[in-house]
Structure formats: C-alpha cells, structure tokens
C-alpha cells in the first residue's frame, strides 16, 4: 500500500502489511465460527483505508 512503517512490540520496525491485518481478522472471525473470507478481506481493506486516511493519522 505504502512505505508506512510500524513499530513492533520488541521495538523493531517493519513495513506495514495489510495482509497481516486481514489474517488477524480471519483468525478472530474463525474463533466465532465466521468463515466468509470476502467479508474478512473487506473489513481488512476498510481498516487499511482508515489508517491511510490523512485525517486519521496522529502527529
């Protein structure tokens, strides 16, 4: 998506990967017996859009 980075729990830095968000949503959905991958992907994309919307960034 972009060269947006994240700081991990151990202090290391990594490039933001929307697929990691989508995978986490799939795991959470699976835990409550939801198996609609399209729905999970759509939610992940919405999260990514919120992160990359200029008004949602913290300065």
N, C-alpha and C. Protein backbone atom coordinates (compact mmCIF):
# COMPACT_ATOMS: atom_id res chain seq x y z
N UNK A 1 0.82 -1.19 0.00
CA UNK A 1 0.00 0.00 0.00
C UNK A 1 0.87 1.25 0.00
N UNK A 2 1.82 1.31 0.91
CA UNK A 2 2.68 2.49 1.01
C UNK A 2 3.92 2.11 1.80
N UNK A 3 4.82 3.05 1.96
CA UNK A 3 6.02 2.81 2.75
C UNK A 3 5.77 3.17 4.21
N UNK A 4 4.60 2.91 4.69
CA UNK A 4 4.21 3.19 6.05
C UNK A 4 4.81 2.12 6.95
N UNK A 5 5.41 2.51 8.06
CA UNK A 5 6.04 1.54 8.93
C UNK A 5 5.31 1.39 10.25
N UNK A 6 5.61 0.30 10.93
CA UNK A 6 5.06 0.04 12.25
C UNK A 6 6.20 -0.27 13.20
N UNK A 7 5.98 0.00 14.47
CA UNK A 7 6.95 -0.36 15.50
C UNK A 7 6.37 -1.56 16.23
N UNK A 8 7.10 -2.65 16.22
CA UNK A 8 6.63 -3.89 16.83
C UNK A 8 6.83 -3.85 18.34
N UNK A 9 6.25 -4.81 19.03
CA UNK A 9 6.35 -4.87 20.50
C UNK A 9 7.79 -4.91 20.99
N UNK A 10 8.66 -5.57 20.24
CA UNK A 10 10.06 -5.69 20.66
C UNK A 10 10.88 -4.46 20.30
N UNK A 11 10.23 -3.43 19.72
CA UNK A 11 10.93 -2.20 19.37
C UNK A 11 11.46 -2.16 17.96
N UNK A 12 11.44 -3.29 17.27
CA UNK A 12 11.92 -3.30 15.89
C UNK A 12 10.89 -2.64 14.97
N UNK A 13 11.35 -2.25 13.80
CA UNK A 13 10.47 -1.60 12.83
C UNK A 13 10.24 -2.54 11.65
N UNK A 14 9.04 -2.45 11.09
CA UNK A 14 8.69 -3.27 9.93
C UNK A 14 7.76 -2.48 9.03
N UNK A 15 7.72 -2.85 7.76
CA UNK A 15 6.80 -2.21 6.83
C UNK A 15 5.38 -2.69 7.12
N UNK A 16 4.42 -1.77 7.03
CA UNK A 16 3.02 -2.11 7.23
C UNK A 16 2.57 -3.07 6.13
N UNK A 17 1.90 -4.14 6.53
CA UNK A 17 1.37 -5.12 5.57
C UNK A 17 -0.10 -5.35 5.87
N UNK A 18 -0.96 -4.90 4.95
CA UNK A 18 -2.41 -5.06 5.14
C UNK A 18 -2.79 -6.53 5.27
N UNK A 19 -2.05 -7.42 4.62
CA UNK A 19 -2.37 -8.85 4.69
C UNK A 19 -2.28 -9.37 6.13
N UNK A 20 -1.40 -8.80 6.92
CA UNK A 20 -1.30 -9.23 8.33
C UNK A 20 -2.56 -8.85 9.09
N UNK A 21 -3.13 -7.69 8.78
CA UNK A 21 -4.38 -7.26 9.40
C UNK A 21 -5.51 -8.21 8.97
N UNK A 22 -5.56 -8.50 7.69
CA UNK A 22 -6.60 -9.39 7.17
C UNK A 22 -6.49 -10.78 7.81
N UNK A 23 -5.27 -11.29 7.94
CA UNK A 23 -5.08 -12.60 8.58
C UNK A 23 -5.56 -12.60 10.03
N UNK A 24 -5.31 -11.52 10.75
CA UNK A 24 -5.76 -11.41 12.14
C UNK A 24 -7.29 -11.39 12.20
N UNK A 25 -7.91 -10.68 11.26
CA UNK A 25 -9.38 -10.63 11.22
C UNK A 25 -9.93 -12.02 10.91
N UNK A 26 -9.30 -12.74 10.00
CA UNK A 26 -9.74 -14.11 9.67
C UNK A 26 -9.66 -15.01 10.90
N UNK A 27 -8.58 -14.91 11.66
CA UNK A 27 -8.43 -15.73 12.87
C UNK A 27 -9.50 -15.39 13.89
N UNK A 28 -9.76 -14.09 14.08
CA UNK A 28 -10.79 -13.67 15.03
C UNK A 28 -12.16 -14.15 14.57
N UNK A 29 -12.44 -14.03 13.29
CA UNK A 29 -13.73 -14.48 12.75
C UNK A 29 -13.88 -15.99 12.92
N UNK A 30 -12.82 -16.71 12.66
CA UNK A 30 -12.85 -18.17 12.80
C UNK A 30 -13.16 -18.58 14.24
N UNK A 31 -12.67 -17.82 15.19
CA UNK A 31 -12.89 -18.13 16.60
C UNK A 31 -14.37 -18.03 16.98
N UNK A 32 -15.14 -17.26 16.19
CA UNK A 32 -16.57 -17.14 16.45
C UNK A 32 -17.40 -17.75 15.31
N UNK A 33 -16.78 -18.72 14.63
CA UNK A 33 -17.43 -19.51 13.57
C UNK A 33 -17.92 -18.69 12.38
N UNK A 34 -17.16 -17.69 11.99
CA UNK A 34 -17.43 -16.94 10.76
C UNK A 34 -16.34 -17.33 9.78
N UNK A 35 -16.75 -17.81 8.59
CA UNK A 35 -15.75 -18.29 7.63
C UNK A 35 -15.82 -17.57 6.29
N UNK A 36 -16.44 -16.41 6.24
CA UNK A 36 -16.59 -15.66 5.00
C UNK A 36 -15.31 -14.85 4.72
N UNK A 37 -14.44 -15.39 3.85
CA UNK A 37 -13.16 -14.74 3.57
C UNK A 37 -13.33 -13.39 2.91
N UNK A 38 -14.32 -13.26 2.03
CA UNK A 38 -14.55 -11.97 1.37
C UNK A 38 -14.89 -10.91 2.40
N UNK A 39 -15.73 -11.25 3.36
CA UNK A 39 -16.11 -10.32 4.43
C UNK A 39 -14.88 -9.89 5.24
N UNK A 40 -14.03 -10.84 5.58
CA UNK A 40 -12.82 -10.54 6.34
C UNK A 40 -11.89 -9.64 5.54
N UNK A 41 -11.75 -9.94 4.26
CA UNK A 41 -10.89 -9.13 3.40
C UNK A 41 -11.44 -7.70 3.30
N UNK A 42 -12.74 -7.58 3.17
CA UNK A 42 -13.38 -6.27 3.06
C UNK A 42 -13.14 -5.45 4.34
N UNK A 43 -13.29 -6.07 5.49
CA UNK A 43 -13.04 -5.37 6.75
C UNK A 43 -11.58 -4.96 6.84
N UNK A 44 -10.68 -5.83 6.44
CA UNK A 44 -9.25 -5.51 6.45
C UNK A 44 -8.94 -4.31 5.57
N UNK A 45 -9.55 -4.25 4.40
CA UNK A 45 -9.34 -3.12 3.50
C UNK A 45 -9.87 -1.83 4.12
N UNK A 46 -11.00 -1.91 4.81
CA UNK A 46 -11.56 -0.73 5.48
C UNK A 46 -10.61 -0.24 6.58
N UNK A 47 -10.03 -1.17 7.32
CA UNK A 47 -9.05 -0.80 8.35
C UNK A 47 -7.86 -0.11 7.70
N UNK A 48 -7.35 -0.69 6.62
CA UNK A 48 -6.23 -0.08 5.90
C UNK A 48 -6.56 1.31 5.40
N UNK A 49 -7.76 1.48 4.86
CA UNK A 49 -8.17 2.80 4.38
C UNK A 49 -8.22 3.81 5.52
N UNK A 50 -8.70 3.41 6.67
CA UNK A 50 -8.73 4.31 7.83
C UNK A 50 -7.32 4.71 8.26
N UNK A 51 -6.42 3.75 8.24
CA UNK A 51 -5.04 4.04 8.64
C UNK A 51 -4.40 5.04 7.70
N UNK A 52 -4.67 4.90 6.41
CA UNK A 52 -4.02 5.75 5.42
C UNK A 52 -4.79 7.01 5.06
N UNK A 53 -5.93 7.25 5.71
CA UNK A 53 -6.65 8.50 5.50
C UNK A 53 -5.95 9.58 6.32
N UNK A 54 -5.55 10.68 5.68
CA UNK A 54 -4.78 11.72 6.39
C UNK A 54 -5.42 12.20 7.69
N UNK A 55 -6.72 12.28 7.77
CA UNK A 55 -7.37 12.77 8.99
C UNK A 55 -7.26 11.78 10.15
N UNK A 56 -6.92 10.52 9.88
CA UNK A 56 -6.83 9.53 10.95
C UNK A 56 -5.42 9.39 11.51
N UNK A 57 -4.46 10.05 10.89
CA UNK A 57 -3.07 9.96 11.38
C UNK A 57 -2.85 10.86 12.58
N UNK A 58 -2.03 10.37 13.50
CA UNK A 58 -1.65 11.19 14.66
C UNK A 58 -0.31 11.83 14.38
N UNK A 59 -0.19 13.10 14.71
CA UNK A 59 1.09 13.81 14.52
C UNK A 59 1.84 13.96 15.81
